[in-house]
Amino acid sequence: MIRPWALLHWVTMALVYRVVAQYSSDQCSWRGSGLSHESHRRDVEQVYLRCSQGSLEWLYPTGAIIVNLRPNTEPTSANMAGVHVCVKSQPHSQGSHLYLEQAGDLRLLMSESEQAQGKIRCFSLGNGALFVEAVHQADISRRITAFQYELVSSRAPGAHLYPHLRPEFVTCEPCSDEEVLLAVCTSDFAGSGVFEGALLLTEEHTVAELTLSRLFHQKDGLFASGKAKVRRWTGRVNIPAKCDVPLGGHEYLLTGSAHFGEAWLGCAPRYKDFLRLYGRARMEGSNPCHVDTLSH
């Protein structure tokens, strides 16, 4: 149902703006200028991005842009289901408001003032496109709207621990056996180690210090290695504030995802429990991938 205020806003924009026939496109990132608009404050530019992550930088924002995001795969209902778009603004971003637009219904995602705080906002890919509207100002010479984006699957193992995805569905319940086996294969990082300490960073999440004795794989160098003769890796991982950090020296299987360069904890059973689970799966031939549990 279209809210009256949103309909009025969209009708007003339809009268004020015109969608330009030409548009800029790239696979992952886009950089453009509002000064390219012929009539400046009356144009809406279409931007098409087909990538799992990237960035957008809009200099001298005037008028508006519609950002159409899609995975770099064929857009079938199977690979679109459960996919969310997460947007993180740059601290210097200003000059526009970010909306979610669907069939004329506009919902504010991030105001200009919120962008300066480096906020993260997520929405379902099936719920519409990102509408970036410039704030009317007399001087646009120093205005730049800039943000990063990621496509995130809500069906991935451990996705329930990423609070920005669907805050109302964050749960601290442990992963199922099937989710654990899949997580060690498909997560952005997987290894084993201990929680050294924790610090409540914000109302949304806690940052925990980790030391890993095994690192099966990782993405983007999330964990730093120690000396050559000492097989240890250290780093930090984010955990929802409502979930307890399991301190006490127990060894855990540590899996999770990388979002905007930071690690977020996913499935994390005790390592000895994982070994029993993995050994049974190997005997039955149901393990989705091979993990070298003997390496140290």
C-alpha atoms as a PDB file:
ATOM      1  CA  MET A   1       0.000   0.000   0.000  1.00  0.00           C
ATOM      2  CA  ILE A   2       1.393   3.402  -0.977  1.00  0.00           C
ATOM      3  CA  ARG A   3       1.523   5.846   1.903  1.00  0.00           C
ATOM      4  CA  PRO A   4      -0.125   9.235   1.143  1.00  0.00           C
ATOM      5  CA  TRP A   5       3.061  11.194   1.948  1.00  0.00           C
ATOM      6  CA  ALA A   6       5.163   8.933  -0.268  1.00  0.00           C
ATOM      7  CA  LEU A   7       2.719   9.148  -3.156  1.00  0.00           C
ATOM      8  CA  LEU A   8       2.674  12.927  -2.884  1.00  0.00           C
ATOM      9  CA  HIS A   9       6.460  12.989  -2.796  1.00  0.00           C
ATOM     10  CA  TRP A  10       6.724  10.743  -5.877  1.00  0.00           C
ATOM     11  CA  VAL A  11       4.091  12.675  -7.828  1.00  0.00           C
ATOM     12  CA  THR A  12       5.918  15.880  -6.989  1.00  0.00           C
ATOM     13  CA  MET A  13       9.197  14.422  -8.229  1.00  0.00           C
ATOM     14  CA  ALA A  14       7.555  13.145 -11.404  1.00  0.00           C
ATOM     15  CA  LEU A  15       6.527  16.726 -12.146  1.00  0.00           C
ATOM     16  CA  VAL A  16       9.899  18.207 -11.182  1.00  0.00           C
ATOM     17  CA  TYR A  17      12.294  15.622 -12.635  1.00  0.00           C
ATOM     18  CA  ARG A  18      12.673  13.975 -16.000  1.00  0.00           C
ATOM     19  CA  VAL A  19      14.464  10.650 -16.506  1.00  0.00           C
ATOM     20  CA  VAL A  20      17.336  11.165 -18.880  1.00  0.00           C
ATOM     21  CA  ALA A  21      17.495   8.851 -21.860  1.00  0.00           C
ATOM     22  CA  GLN A  22      21.189   8.111 -21.430  1.00  0.00           C
ATOM     23  CA  TYR A  23      22.575   6.457 -18.306  1.00  0.00           C
ATOM     24  CA  SER A  24      25.941   5.440 -16.914  1.00  0.00           C
ATOM     25  CA  SER A  25      26.668   1.796 -16.278  1.00  0.00           C
ATOM     26  CA  ASP A  26      29.507  -0.295 -14.898  1.00  0.00           C
ATOM     27  CA  GLN A  27      29.864  -3.715 -13.357  1.00  0.00           C
ATOM     28  CA  CYS A  28      30.749  -2.779  -9.780  1.00  0.00           C
ATOM     29  CA  SER A  29      31.284   0.927  -9.156  1.00  0.00           C
ATOM     30  CA  TRP A  30      30.080   4.268 -10.495  1.00  0.00           C
ATOM     31  CA  ARG A  31      31.445   7.794 -10.292  1.00  0.00           C
ATOM     32  CA  GLY A  32      29.568  10.698 -11.779  1.00  0.00           C
ATOM     33  CA  SER A  33      28.731  14.359 -11.474  1.00  0.00           C
ATOM     34  CA  GLY A  34      25.477  16.241 -11.151  1.00  0.00           C
ATOM     35  CA  LEU A  35      26.929  18.918 -13.377  1.00  0.00           C
ATOM     36  CA  SER A  36      26.495  16.556 -16.348  1.00  0.00           C
ATOM     37  CA  HIS A  37      22.745  17.098 -16.156  1.00  0.00           C
ATOM     38  CA  GLU A  38      21.696  19.452 -18.889  1.00  0.00           C
ATOM     39  CA  SER A  39      19.099  21.199 -16.740  1.00  0.00           C
ATOM     40  CA  HIS A  40      20.837  20.254 -13.503  1.00  0.00           C
ATOM     41  CA  ARG A  41      18.039  20.083 -10.948  1.00  0.00           C
ATOM     42  CA  ARG A  42      15.497  18.352 -13.180  1.00  0.00           C
ATOM     43  CA  ASP A  43      17.207  15.120 -14.206  1.00  0.00           C
ATOM     44  CA  VAL A  44      17.094  11.568 -12.851  1.00  0.00           C
ATOM     45  CA  GLU A  45      19.978   9.431 -14.016  1.00  0.00           C
ATOM     46  CA  GLN A  46      19.751   5.642 -14.165  1.00  0.00           C
ATOM     47  CA  VAL A  47      22.757   3.683 -12.858  1.00  0.00           C
ATOM     48  CA  TYR A  48      22.987  -0.090 -13.364  1.00  0.00           C
ATOM     49  CA  LEU A  49      25.448  -2.146 -11.306  1.00  0.00           C
ATOM     50  CA  ARG A  50      25.835  -5.938 -11.492  1.00  0.00           C
ATOM     51  CA  CYS A  51      28.301  -6.977  -8.825  1.00  0.00           C
ATOM     52  CA  SER A  52      28.389  -8.435  -5.319  1.00  0.00           C
ATOM     53  CA  GLN A  53      30.038  -5.295  -3.933  1.00  0.00           C
ATOM     54  CA  GLY A  54      31.233  -1.910  -5.053  1.00  0.00           C
ATOM     55  CA  SER A  55      30.944   1.806  -4.469  1.00  0.00           C
ATOM     56  CA  LEU A  56      29.247   4.948  -5.708  1.00  0.00           C
ATOM     57  CA  GLU A  57      30.562   8.500  -5.693  1.00  0.00           C
ATOM     58  CA  TRP A  58      28.330  11.363  -6.853  1.00  0.00           C
ATOM     59  CA  LEU A  59      30.052  14.717  -7.094  1.00  0.00           C
ATOM     60  CA  TYR A  60      28.063  17.970  -6.998  1.00  0.00           C
ATOM     61  CA  PRO A  61      24.741  16.124  -6.489  1.00  0.00           C
ATOM     62  CA  THR A  62      21.834  17.733  -8.309  1.00  0.00           C
ATOM     63  CA  GLY A  63      18.543  16.152  -9.326  1.00  0.00           C
ATOM     64  CA  ALA A  64      18.494  12.441  -8.475  1.00  0.00           C
ATOM     65  CA  ILE A  65      19.869   9.050  -9.469  1.00  0.00           C
ATOM     66  CA  ILE A  66      18.250   5.621  -9.382  1.00  0.00           C
ATOM     67  CA  VAL A  67      20.740   2.858  -8.548  1.00  0.00           C
ATOM     68  CA  ASN A  68      19.640  -0.549  -9.871  1.00  0.00           C
ATOM     69  CA  LEU A  69      21.633  -3.326  -8.169  1.00  0.00           C
ATOM     70  CA  ARG A  70      21.723  -6.956  -9.268  1.00  0.00           C
ATOM     71  CA  PRO A  71      23.993  -9.990  -8.696  1.00  0.00           C
ATOM     72  CA  ASN A  72      26.433 -10.797 -11.503  1.00  0.00           C
ATOM     73  CA  THR A  73      24.377 -13.891 -12.340  1.00  0.00           C
ATOM     74  CA  GLU A  74      21.244 -14.504 -14.335  1.00  0.00           C
ATOM     75  CA  PRO A  75      18.350 -12.867 -12.420  1.00  0.00           C
ATOM     76  CA  THR A  76      16.288 -15.962 -11.607  1.00  0.00           C
ATOM     77  CA  SER A  77      13.893 -16.181  -8.688  1.00  0.00           C
ATOM     78  CA  ALA A  78      16.181 -18.766  -7.085  1.00  0.00           C
ATOM     79  CA  ASN A  79      19.299 -16.590  -6.850  1.00  0.00           C
ATOM     80  CA  MET A  80      17.338 -13.396  -6.074  1.00  0.00           C
ATOM     81  CA  ALA A  81      15.435 -14.829  -3.110  1.00  0.00           C
ATOM     82  CA  GLY A  82      16.875 -13.800   0.217  1.00  0.00           C
ATOM     83  CA  VAL A  83      19.373 -11.330  -1.275  1.00  0.00           C
ATOM     84  CA  HIS A  84      19.699  -8.014   0.543  1.00  0.00           C
ATOM     85  CA  VAL A  85      21.506  -4.792  -0.350  1.00  0.00           C
ATOM     86  CA  CYS A  86      23.558  -3.245   2.449  1.00  0.00           C
ATOM     87  CA  VAL A  87      24.780   0.334   2.077  1.00  0.00           C
ATOM     88  CA  LYS A  88      27.487   1.974   4.195  1.00  0.00           C
ATOM     89  CA  SER A  89      27.996   5.698   3.800  1.00  0.00           C
ATOM     90  CA  GLN A  90      31.393   7.369   3.870  1.00  0.00           C
ATOM     91  CA  PRO A  91      31.929   9.865   6.728  1.00  0.00           C
ATOM     92  CA  HIS A  92      32.420  12.709   4.254  1.00  0.00           C
ATOM     93  CA  SER A  93      29.196  11.909   2.379  1.00  0.00           C
ATOM     94  CA  GLN A  94      26.754  14.796   2.106  1.00  0.00           C
ATOM     95  CA  GLY A  95      24.406  16.533  -0.274  1.00  0.00           C
ATOM     96  CA  SER A  96      21.606  13.954  -0.621  1.00  0.00           C
ATOM     97  CA  HIS A  97      19.110  11.637   1.072  1.00  0.00           C
ATOM     98  CA  LEU A  98      18.891   7.891   0.337  1.00  0.00           C
ATOM     99  CA  TYR A  99      15.495   6.270  -0.235  1.00  0.00           C
ATOM    100  CA  LEU A 100      14.149   2.844  -1.124  1.00  0.00           C
ATOM    101  CA  GLU A 101      11.810   3.237  -4.083  1.00  0.00           C
ATOM    102  CA  GLN A 102       9.227   0.680  -5.173  1.00  0.00           C
ATOM    103  CA  ALA A 103       6.287   1.433  -7.455  1.00  0.00           C
ATOM    104  CA  GLY A 104       6.254   5.081  -6.434  1.00  0.00           C
ATOM    105  CA  ASP A 105       6.506   4.364  -2.724  1.00  0.00           C
ATOM    106  CA  LEU A 106       9.519   6.075  -1.159  1.00  0.00           C
ATOM    107  CA  ARG A 107      10.925   5.060   2.219  1.00  0.00           C
ATOM    108  CA  LEU A 108      13.792   6.991   3.766  1.00  0.00           C
ATOM    109  CA  LEU A 109      16.832   4.769   4.316  1.00  0.00           C
ATOM    110  CA  MET A 110      19.449   7.285   5.344  1.00  0.00           C
ATOM    111  CA  SER A 111      19.261  11.041   5.769  1.00  0.00           C
ATOM    112  CA  GLU A 112      22.119  13.378   4.932  1.00  0.00           C
ATOM    113  CA  SER A 113      22.987  13.768   8.622  1.00  0.00           C
ATOM    114  CA  GLU A 114      23.029   9.979   9.186  1.00  0.00           C
ATOM    115  CA  GLN A 115      25.490   9.510   6.338  1.00  0.00           C
ATOM    116  CA  ALA A 116      28.092  11.560   8.209  1.00  0.00           C
ATOM    117  CA  GLN A 117      27.925   8.925  10.980  1.00  0.00           C
ATOM    118  CA  GLY A 118      28.940   6.084   8.634  1.00  0.00           C
ATOM    119  CA  LYS A 119      25.626   4.288   9.107  1.00  0.00           C
ATOM    120  CA  ILE A 120      24.770   0.921   7.520  1.00  0.00           C
ATOM    121  CA  ARG A 121      21.305   0.242   6.134  1.00  0.00           C
ATOM    122  CA  CYS A 122      20.059  -2.937   4.419  1.00  0.00           C
ATOM    123  CA  PHE A 123      16.963  -3.764   2.375  1.00  0.00           C
ATOM    124  CA  SER A 124      15.702  -6.730   0.391  1.00  0.00           C
ATOM    125  CA  LEU A 125      16.731  -6.656  -3.254  1.00  0.00           C
ATOM    126  CA  GLY A 126      13.180  -7.572  -4.240  1.00  0.00           C
ATOM    127  CA  ASN A 127      11.768  -4.511  -2.478  1.00  0.00           C
ATOM    128  CA  GLY A 128      12.924  -1.943  -4.985  1.00  0.00           C
ATOM    129  CA  ALA A 129      15.791   0.272  -6.119  1.00  0.00           C
ATOM    130  CA  LEU A 130      17.961   2.797  -4.333  1.00  0.00           C
ATOM    131  CA  PHE A 131      16.800   6.358  -4.998  1.00  0.00           C
ATOM    132  CA  VAL A 132      19.372   9.050  -4.212  1.00  0.00           C
ATOM    133  CA  GLU A 133      17.879  12.545  -4.152  1.00  0.00           C
ATOM    134  CA  ALA A 134      20.029  15.648  -3.946  1.00  0.00           C
ATOM    135  CA  VAL A 135      19.265  18.130  -1.212  1.00  0.00           C
ATOM    136  CA  HIS A 136      18.496  21.542  -2.707  1.00  0.00           C
ATOM    137  CA  GLN A 137      21.347  23.888  -1.826  1.00  0.00           C
ATOM    138  CA  ALA A 138      22.637  27.141  -3.225  1.00  0.00           C
ATOM    139  CA  ASP A 139      26.290  25.996  -3.129  1.00  0.00           C
ATOM    140  CA  ILE A 140      27.051  22.454  -4.289  1.00  0.00           C
ATOM    141  CA  SER A 141      30.774  22.995  -4.901  1.00  0.00           C
ATOM    142  CA  ARG A 142      31.926  20.863  -1.951  1.00  0.00           C
ATOM    143  CA  ARG A 143      29.156  18.275  -1.846  1.00  0.00           C
ATOM    144  CA  ILE A 144      29.932  14.609  -2.514  1.00  0.00           C
ATOM    145  CA  THR A 145      27.616  11.657  -1.890  1.00  0.00           C
ATOM    146  CA  ALA A 146      29.698   8.517  -1.389  1.00  0.00           C
ATOM    147  CA  PHE A 147      28.906   5.034  -0.132  1.00  0.00           C
ATOM    148  CA  GLN A 148      29.865   1.373  -0.451  1.00  0.00           C
ATOM    149  CA  TYR A 149      27.380  -1.405  -1.093  1.00  0.00           C
ATOM    150  CA  GLU A 150      27.273  -5.182  -0.708  1.00  0.00           C
ATOM    151  CA  LEU A 151      24.818  -7.875  -1.727  1.00  0.00           C
ATOM    152  CA  VAL A 152      24.245 -10.195   1.233  1.00  0.00           C
ATOM    153  CA  SER A 153      22.271 -13.442   1.369  1.00  0.00           C
ATOM    154  CA  SER A 154      20.005 -13.823   4.386  1.00  0.00           C
ATOM    155  CA  ARG A 155      20.131 -17.580   3.783  1.00  0.00           C
ATOM    156  CA  ALA A 156      23.884 -17.899   4.350  1.00  0.00           C
ATOM    157  CA  PRO A 157      24.978 -19.804   7.480  1.00  0.00           C
ATOM    158  CA  GLY A 158      25.319 -17.391  10.395  1.00  0.00           C
ATOM    159  CA  ALA A 159      23.466 -14.557   8.624  1.00  0.00           C
ATOM    160  CA  HIS A 160      21.173 -14.313  11.662  1.00  0.00           C
ATOM    161  CA  LEU A 161      24.109 -12.771  13.573  1.00  0.00           C
ATOM    162  CA  TYR A 162      24.527  -9.764  11.239  1.00  0.00           C
ATOM    163  CA  PRO A 163      22.364  -7.143  12.993  1.00  0.00           C
ATOM    164  CA  HIS A 164      22.087  -4.731  10.059  1.00  0.00           C
ATOM    165  CA  LEU A 165      20.484  -7.312   7.785  1.00  0.00           C
ATOM    166  CA  ARG A 166      17.235  -7.847   9.651  1.00  0.00           C
ATOM    167  CA  PRO A 167      17.561  -6.427  13.192  1.00  0.00           C
ATOM    168  CA  GLU A 168      14.295  -7.946  14.380  1.00  0.00           C
ATOM    169  CA  PHE A 169      15.480 -11.469  13.503  1.00  0.00           C
ATOM    170  CA  VAL A 170      18.871 -11.430  15.259  1.00  0.00           C
ATOM    171  CA  THR A 171      19.115 -14.566  17.382  1.00  0.00           C
ATOM    172  CA  CYS A 172      21.905 -16.058  19.468  1.00  0.00           C
ATOM    173  CA  GLU A 173      20.720 -19.623  18.879  1.00  0.00           C
ATOM    174  CA  PRO A 174      23.507 -22.008  17.778  1.00  0.00           C
ATOM    175  CA  CYS A 175      23.647 -23.185  14.182  1.00  0.00           C
ATOM    176  CA  SER A 176      22.306 -26.590  13.208  1.00  0.00           C
ATOM    177  CA  ASP A 177      24.697 -29.412  12.269  1.00  0.00           C
ATOM    178  CA  GLU A 178      23.978 -28.837   8.584  1.00  0.00           C
ATOM    179  CA  GLU A 179      24.637 -25.107   8.906  1.00  0.00           C
ATOM    180  CA  VAL A 180      27.951 -25.717  10.706  1.00  0.00           C
ATOM    181  CA  LEU A 181      29.191 -28.099   7.996  1.00  0.00           C
ATOM    182  CA  LEU A 182      28.192 -25.650   5.274  1.00  0.00           C
ATOM    183  CA  ALA A 183      29.649 -22.671   7.153  1.00  0.00           C
ATOM    184  CA  VAL A 184      33.141 -24.150   7.402  1.00  0.00           C
ATOM    185  CA  CYS A 185      33.114 -24.529   3.593  1.00  0.00           C
ATOM    186  CA  THR A 186      31.391 -21.361   2.396  1.00  0.00           C
ATOM    187  CA  SER A 187      32.043 -18.665   5.032  1.00  0.00           C
ATOM    188  CA  ASP A 188      34.419 -15.790   4.363  1.00  0.00           C
ATOM    189  CA  PHE A 189      36.664 -17.144   7.112  1.00  0.00           C
ATOM    190  CA  ALA A 190      36.964 -20.435   8.989  1.00  0.00           C
ATOM    191  CA  GLY A 191      39.437 -21.653  11.581  1.00  0.00           C
ATOM    192  CA  SER A 192      39.722 -22.571  15.232  1.00  0.00           C
ATOM    193  CA  GLY A 193      40.811 -20.575  18.219  1.00  0.00           C
ATOM    194  CA  VAL A 194      39.870 -18.859  21.463  1.00  0.00           C
ATOM    195  CA  PHE A 195      38.183 -15.626  22.526  1.00  0.00           C
ATOM    196  CA  GLU A 196      40.700 -13.472  24.387  1.00  0.00           C
ATOM    197  CA  GLY A 197      38.451 -10.590  25.438  1.00  0.00           C
ATOM    198  CA  ALA A 198      35.574  -8.360  24.395  1.00  0.00           C
ATOM    199  CA  LEU A 199      34.682  -4.682  24.270  1.00  0.00           C
ATOM    200  CA  LEU A 200      31.160  -3.285  23.835  1.00  0.00           C
ATOM    201  CA  LEU A 201      31.686  -0.940  20.920  1.00  0.00           C
ATOM    202  CA  THR A 202      28.115   0.219  20.210  1.00  0.00           C
ATOM    203  CA  GLU A 203      24.576  -0.596  21.277  1.00  0.00           C
ATOM    204  CA  GLU A 204      24.400  -2.908  18.265  1.00  0.00           C
ATOM    205  CA  HIS A 205      27.549  -5.006  18.534  1.00  0.00           C
ATOM    206  CA  THR A 206      30.506  -6.126  20.610  1.00  0.00           C
ATOM    207  CA  VAL A 207      34.061  -6.489  19.315  1.00  0.00           C
ATOM    208  CA  ALA A 208      35.901  -9.636  20.465  1.00  0.00           C
ATOM    209  CA  GLU A 209      39.640 -10.298  20.255  1.00  0.00           C
ATOM    210  CA  LEU A 210      40.557 -13.682  18.740  1.00  0.00           C
ATOM    211  CA  THR A 211      43.639 -15.872  18.598  1.00  0.00           C
ATOM    212  CA  LEU A 212      43.464 -18.683  16.034  1.00  0.00           C
ATOM    213  CA  SER A 213      45.674 -21.761  16.022  1.00  0.00           C
ATOM    214  CA  ARG A 214      44.216 -22.978  12.686  1.00  0.00           C
ATOM    215  CA  LEU A 215      43.026 -20.951   9.728  1.00  0.00           C
ATOM    216  CA  PHE A 216      41.380 -23.040   7.015  1.00  0.00           C
ATOM    217  CA  HIS A 217      40.686 -20.035   4.800  1.00  0.00           C
ATOM    218  CA  GLN A 218      39.990 -16.322   5.003  1.00  0.00           C
ATOM    219  CA  LYS A 219      38.954 -13.406   2.810  1.00  0.00           C
ATOM    220  CA  ASP A 220      40.535  -9.952   2.617  1.00  0.00           C
ATOM    221  CA  GLY A 221      43.250 -10.678   5.196  1.00  0.00           C
ATOM    222  CA  LEU A 222      40.928 -10.351   8.173  1.00  0.00           C
ATOM    223  CA  PHE A 223      43.389 -12.073  10.511  1.00  0.00           C
ATOM    224  CA  ALA A 224      47.104 -11.311  10.727  1.00  0.00           C
ATOM    225  CA  SER A 225      49.655 -14.107  11.023  1.00  0.00           C
ATOM    226  CA  GLY A 226      52.324 -14.211  13.705  1.00  0.00           C
ATOM    227  CA  LYS A 227      55.954 -15.183  13.359  1.00  0.00           C
ATOM    228  CA  ALA A 228      56.895 -17.839  10.812  1.00  0.00           C
ATOM    229  CA  LYS A 229      57.686 -20.450  13.453  1.00  0.00           C
ATOM    230  CA  VAL A 230      54.499 -19.804  15.433  1.00  0.00           C
ATOM    231  CA  ARG A 231      51.309 -20.716  13.624  1.00  0.00           C
ATOM    232  CA  ARG A 232      48.987 -18.159  15.188  1.00  0.00           C
ATOM    233  CA  TRP A 233      46.634 -15.587  13.744  1.00  0.00           C
ATOM    234  CA  THR A 234      45.067 -12.670  15.586  1.00  0.00           C
ATOM    235  CA  GLY A 235      42.200 -10.353  14.796  1.00  0.00           C
ATOM    236  CA  ARG A 236      38.835  -9.004  15.801  1.00  0.00           C
ATOM    237  CA  VAL A 237      35.312 -10.200  15.153  1.00  0.00           C
ATOM    238  CA  ASN A 238      31.981  -8.413  15.618  1.00  0.00           C
ATOM    239  CA  ILE A 239      29.173 -10.062  17.597  1.00  0.00           C
ATOM    240  CA  PRO A 240      25.633  -8.724  18.228  1.00  0.00           C
ATOM    241  CA  ALA A 241      25.510  -6.951  21.592  1.00  0.00           C
ATOM    242  CA  LYS A 242      22.653  -9.167  22.779  1.00  0.00           C
ATOM    243  CA  CYS A 243      24.818 -12.321  22.421  1.00  0.00           C
ATOM    244  CA  ASP A 244      27.346 -13.402  25.059  1.00  0.00           C
ATOM    245  CA  VAL A 245      31.032 -13.699  24.153  1.00  0.00           C
ATOM    246  CA  PRO A 246      32.192 -17.231  25.120  1.00  0.00           C
ATOM    247  CA  LEU A 247      35.314 -16.460  27.162  1.00  0.00           C
ATOM    248  CA  GLY A 248      37.159 -19.003  29.304  1.00  0.00           C
ATOM    249  CA  GLY A 249      39.833 -20.497  27.076  1.00  0.00           C
ATOM    250  CA  HIS A 250      37.699 -23.104  25.269  1.00  0.00           C
ATOM    251  CA  GLU A 251      38.644 -23.707  21.626  1.00  0.00           C
ATOM    252  CA  TYR A 252      35.919 -22.958  19.093  1.00  0.00           C
ATOM    253  CA  LEU A 253      35.360 -23.457  15.400  1.00  0.00           C
ATOM    254  CA  LEU A 254      35.215 -19.858  14.193  1.00  0.00           C
ATOM    255  CA  THR A 255      33.347 -19.057  11.001  1.00  0.00           C
ATOM    256  CA  GLY A 256      31.758 -15.888   9.745  1.00  0.00           C
ATOM    257  CA  SER A 257      31.401 -13.261   7.072  1.00  0.00           C
ATOM    258  CA  ALA A 258      33.228 -10.115   6.000  1.00  0.00           C
ATOM    259  CA  HIS A 259      31.193  -6.930   5.669  1.00  0.00           C
ATOM    260  CA  PHE A 260      32.817  -3.661   4.615  1.00  0.00           C
ATOM    261  CA  GLY A 261      36.233  -4.951   5.650  1.00  0.00           C
ATOM    262  CA  GLU A 262      35.207  -6.208   9.097  1.00  0.00           C
ATOM    263  CA  ALA A 263      34.701  -9.768  10.353  1.00  0.00           C
ATOM    264  CA  TRP A 264      31.314 -10.827  11.773  1.00  0.00           C
ATOM    265  CA  LEU A 265      30.938 -14.063  13.699  1.00  0.00           C
ATOM    266  CA  GLY A 266      28.733 -16.787  12.223  1.00  0.00           C
ATOM    267  CA  CYS A 267      28.494 -20.411  13.338  1.00  0.00           C
ATOM    268  CA  ALA A 268      30.887 -21.060  16.252  1.00  0.00           C
ATOM    269  CA  PRO A 269      30.470 -24.409  18.053  1.00  0.00           C
ATOM    270  CA  ARG A 270      33.134 -25.794  20.351  1.00  0.00           C
ATOM    271  CA  TYR A 271      35.906 -27.246  18.227  1.00  0.00           C
ATOM    272  CA  LYS A 272      35.717 -30.690  19.827  1.00  0.00           C
ATOM    273  CA  ASP A 273      32.000 -30.834  18.975  1.00  0.00           C
ATOM    274  CA  PHE A 274      32.771 -29.835  15.392  1.00  0.00           C
ATOM    275  CA  LEU A 275      35.399 -32.588  15.138  1.00  0.00           C
ATOM    276  CA  ARG A 276      32.852 -35.206  16.153  1.00  0.00           C
ATOM    277  CA  LEU A 277      30.301 -33.777  13.719  1.00  0.00           C
ATOM    278  CA  TYR A 278      32.797 -33.567  10.853  1.00  0.00           C
ATOM    279  CA  GLY A 279      34.147 -37.071  11.503  1.00  0.00           C
ATOM    280  CA  ARG A 280      30.638 -38.517  11.389  1.00  0.00           C
ATOM    281  CA  ALA A 281      29.851 -36.619   8.183  1.00  0.00           C
ATOM    282  CA  ARG A 282      33.022 -37.979   6.541  1.00  0.00           C
ATOM    283  CA  MET A 283      32.090 -41.517   7.503  1.00  0.00           C
ATOM    284  CA  GLU A 284      28.660 -41.013   5.952  1.00  0.00           C
ATOM    285  CA  GLY A 285      30.003 -39.139   2.934  1.00  0.00           C
ATOM    286  CA  SER A 286      27.816 -36.125   3.687  1.00  0.00           C
ATOM    287  CA  ASN A 287      30.538 -33.503   4.333  1.00  0.00           C
ATOM    288  CA  PRO A 288      30.150 -30.723   1.711  1.00  0.00           C
ATOM    289  CA  CYS A 289      33.920 -30.100   1.529  1.00  0.00           C
ATOM    290  CA  HIS A 290      37.225 -31.382   2.906  1.00  0.00           C
ATOM    291  CA  VAL A 291      38.811 -29.653   5.901  1.00  0.00           C
ATOM    292  CA  ASP A 292      42.335 -30.480   7.091  1.00  0.00           C
ATOM    293  CA  THR A 293      41.528 -30.813  10.792  1.00  0.00           C
ATOM    294  CA  LEU A 294      44.937 -32.390  11.510  1.00  0.00           C
ATOM    295  CA  SER A 295      46.962 -29.319  10.560  1.00  0.00           C
ATOM    296  CA  HIS A 296      48.216 -27.139  13.370  1.00  0.00           C
END
